[in-house]
Amino acid sequence: MENMNVNYLVIGGIVLILLILLLFFLKRNHKDEKEFEKDVIQNELETEKHGDDKT
């Protein structure tokens, strides 16, 4: 059997990059979720205002 040399520096770099990307996407998702909730609330308030005009 061949002896495989593992380059832990390369593996560590790849893991570090993956963790950074994961944190970036989680932070961005949280920010987008807050913006979405804000937009939904704003749209509901605008709908209620227009609903009052019809009565």
N, C-alpha and C. Protein backbone atom coordinates (compact mmCIF):
# COMPACT_ATOMS: atom_id res chain seq x y z
N MET A 1 0.82 -1.19 0.00
CA MET A 1 0.00 0.00 0.00
C MET A 1 0.86 1.25 0.00
N GLU A 2 0.38 2.22 -0.67
CA GLU A 2 1.11 3.48 -0.76
C GLU A 2 0.86 4.31 0.48
N ASN A 3 1.87 4.98 0.94
CA ASN A 3 1.74 5.84 2.10
C ASN A 3 1.26 7.21 1.64
N MET A 4 0.08 7.63 2.10
CA MET A 4 -0.47 8.92 1.68
C MET A 4 -0.03 10.01 2.65
N ASN A 5 0.52 11.06 2.12
CA ASN A 5 0.90 12.21 2.93
C ASN A 5 -0.26 13.20 2.94
N VAL A 6 -0.67 13.57 4.13
CA VAL A 6 -1.79 14.51 4.27
C VAL A 6 -1.21 15.88 4.56
N ASN A 7 -1.58 16.84 3.74
CA ASN A 7 -1.12 18.20 3.95
C ASN A 7 -2.15 18.92 4.82
N TYR A 8 -1.90 18.93 6.12
CA TYR A 8 -2.86 19.50 7.06
C TYR A 8 -3.00 21.02 6.90
N LEU A 9 -1.99 21.67 6.39
CA LEU A 9 -2.09 23.11 6.17
C LEU A 9 -3.13 23.42 5.10
N VAL A 10 -3.15 22.64 4.02
CA VAL A 10 -4.13 22.85 2.94
C VAL A 10 -5.53 22.51 3.45
N ILE A 11 -5.67 21.40 4.16
CA ILE A 11 -6.98 21.02 4.70
C ILE A 11 -7.47 22.08 5.68
N GLY A 12 -6.58 22.58 6.54
CA GLY A 12 -6.95 23.62 7.49
C GLY A 12 -7.38 24.90 6.78
N GLY A 13 -6.70 25.26 5.71
CA GLY A 13 -7.08 26.45 4.94
C GLY A 13 -8.45 26.31 4.31
N ILE A 14 -8.72 25.12 3.76
CA ILE A 14 -10.03 24.88 3.14
C ILE A 14 -11.13 24.92 4.20
N VAL A 15 -10.90 24.31 5.35
CA VAL A 15 -11.88 24.32 6.43
C VAL A 15 -12.12 25.75 6.90
N LEU A 16 -11.06 26.53 7.02
CA LEU A 16 -11.19 27.93 7.45
C LEU A 16 -12.02 28.73 6.45
N ILE A 17 -11.76 28.55 5.17
CA ILE A 17 -12.52 29.26 4.14
C ILE A 17 -13.99 28.85 4.19
N LEU A 18 -14.25 27.55 4.38
CA LEU A 18 -15.64 27.09 4.46
C LEU A 18 -16.35 27.67 5.68
N LEU A 19 -15.66 27.76 6.81
CA LEU A 19 -16.27 28.35 8.00
C LEU A 19 -16.57 29.83 7.80
N ILE A 20 -15.65 30.54 7.16
CA ILE A 20 -15.87 31.97 6.89
C ILE A 20 -17.08 32.15 5.97
N LEU A 21 -17.16 31.31 4.93
CA LEU A 21 -18.31 31.40 4.02
C LEU A 21 -19.61 31.07 4.74
N LEU A 22 -19.58 30.07 5.59
CA LEU A 22 -20.77 29.69 6.34
C LEU A 22 -21.24 30.84 7.23
N LEU A 23 -20.31 31.45 7.95
CA LEU A 23 -20.68 32.58 8.82
C LEU A 23 -21.20 33.76 8.00
N PHE A 24 -20.57 34.02 6.85
CA PHE A 24 -21.02 35.10 5.98
C PHE A 24 -22.46 34.87 5.51
N PHE A 25 -22.75 33.65 5.06
CA PHE A 25 -24.09 33.36 4.55
C PHE A 25 -25.12 33.37 5.67
N LEU A 26 -24.76 32.90 6.86
CA LEU A 26 -25.70 32.95 7.98
C LEU A 26 -26.01 34.38 8.37
N LYS A 27 -24.99 35.24 8.41
CA LYS A 27 -25.19 36.65 8.76
C LYS A 27 -26.06 37.34 7.71
N ARG A 28 -25.77 37.06 6.44
CA ARG A 28 -26.53 37.68 5.36
C ARG A 28 -27.98 37.19 5.36
N ASN A 29 -28.18 35.91 5.63
CA ASN A 29 -29.53 35.36 5.69
C ASN A 29 -30.32 36.03 6.80
N HIS A 30 -29.70 36.22 7.95
CA HIS A 30 -30.37 36.87 9.08
C HIS A 30 -30.76 38.30 8.72
N LYS A 31 -29.86 39.00 8.05
CA LYS A 31 -30.13 40.38 7.63
C LYS A 31 -31.28 40.42 6.62
N ASP A 32 -31.24 39.51 5.64
CA ASP A 32 -32.30 39.47 4.63
C ASP A 32 -33.64 39.10 5.25
N GLU A 33 -33.61 38.23 6.25
CA GLU A 33 -34.85 37.84 6.92
C GLU A 33 -35.47 39.02 7.64
N LYS A 34 -34.65 39.84 8.30
CA LYS A 34 -35.17 41.02 8.99
C LYS A 34 -35.75 42.01 7.97
N GLU A 35 -35.08 42.20 6.84
CA GLU A 35 -35.58 43.11 5.81
C GLU A 35 -36.91 42.60 5.26
N PHE A 36 -37.01 41.28 5.05
CA PHE A 36 -38.24 40.68 4.54
C PHE A 36 -39.40 40.91 5.52
N GLU A 37 -39.14 40.68 6.81
CA GLU A 37 -40.17 40.89 7.82
C GLU A 37 -40.61 42.35 7.85
N LYS A 38 -39.66 43.26 7.72
CA LYS A 38 -39.97 44.69 7.71
C LYS A 38 -40.84 45.03 6.51
N ASP A 39 -40.51 44.47 5.34
CA ASP A 39 -41.30 44.72 4.14
C ASP A 39 -42.71 44.16 4.26
N VAL A 40 -42.83 42.98 4.84
CA VAL A 40 -44.15 42.36 5.00
C VAL A 40 -45.01 43.21 5.93
N ILE A 41 -44.44 43.66 7.03
CA ILE A 41 -45.19 44.50 7.98
C ILE A 41 -45.60 45.81 7.31
N GLN A 42 -44.69 46.40 6.54
CA GLN A 42 -44.99 47.66 5.86
C GLN A 42 -46.12 47.46 4.85
N ASN A 43 -46.07 46.35 4.10
CA ASN A 43 -47.12 46.08 3.11
C ASN A 43 -48.46 45.84 3.79
N GLU A 44 -48.46 45.19 4.94
CA GLU A 44 -49.71 44.96 5.66
C GLU A 44 -50.29 46.28 6.15
N LEU A 45 -49.44 47.19 6.61
CA LEU A 45 -49.93 48.49 7.07
C LEU A 45 -50.51 49.28 5.90
N GLU A 46 -49.86 49.22 4.73
CA GLU A 46 -50.37 49.93 3.57
C GLU A 46 -51.70 49.33 3.11
N THR A 47 -51.85 48.02 3.20
CA THR A 47 -53.09 47.37 2.83
C THR A 47 -54.22 47.80 3.75
N GLU A 48 -53.95 47.92 5.04
CA GLU A 48 -54.98 48.36 5.98
C GLU A 48 -55.42 49.80 5.68
N LYS A 49 -54.48 50.66 5.30
CA LYS A 49 -54.82 52.03 4.97
C LYS A 49 -55.74 52.07 3.76
N HIS A 50 -55.42 51.28 2.73
CA HIS A 50 -56.27 51.24 1.55
C HIS A 50 -57.61 50.61 1.84
N GLY A 51 -57.64 49.68 2.77
CA GLY A 51 -58.90 49.02 3.16
C GLY A 51 -59.85 50.01 3.81
N ASP A 52 -59.35 50.99 4.54
CA ASP A 52 -60.19 51.98 5.19
C ASP A 52 -60.88 52.89 4.17
N ASP A 53 -60.26 53.12 3.03
CA ASP A 53 -60.83 54.00 2.01
C ASP A 53 -62.06 53.38 1.35
N LYS A 54 -62.12 52.05 1.30
CA LYS A 54 -63.22 51.37 0.60
C LYS A 54 -64.49 51.35 1.41
N THR A 55 -64.43 51.52 2.73
CA THR A 55 -65.63 51.43 3.57
C THR A 55 -66.37 52.71 3.65
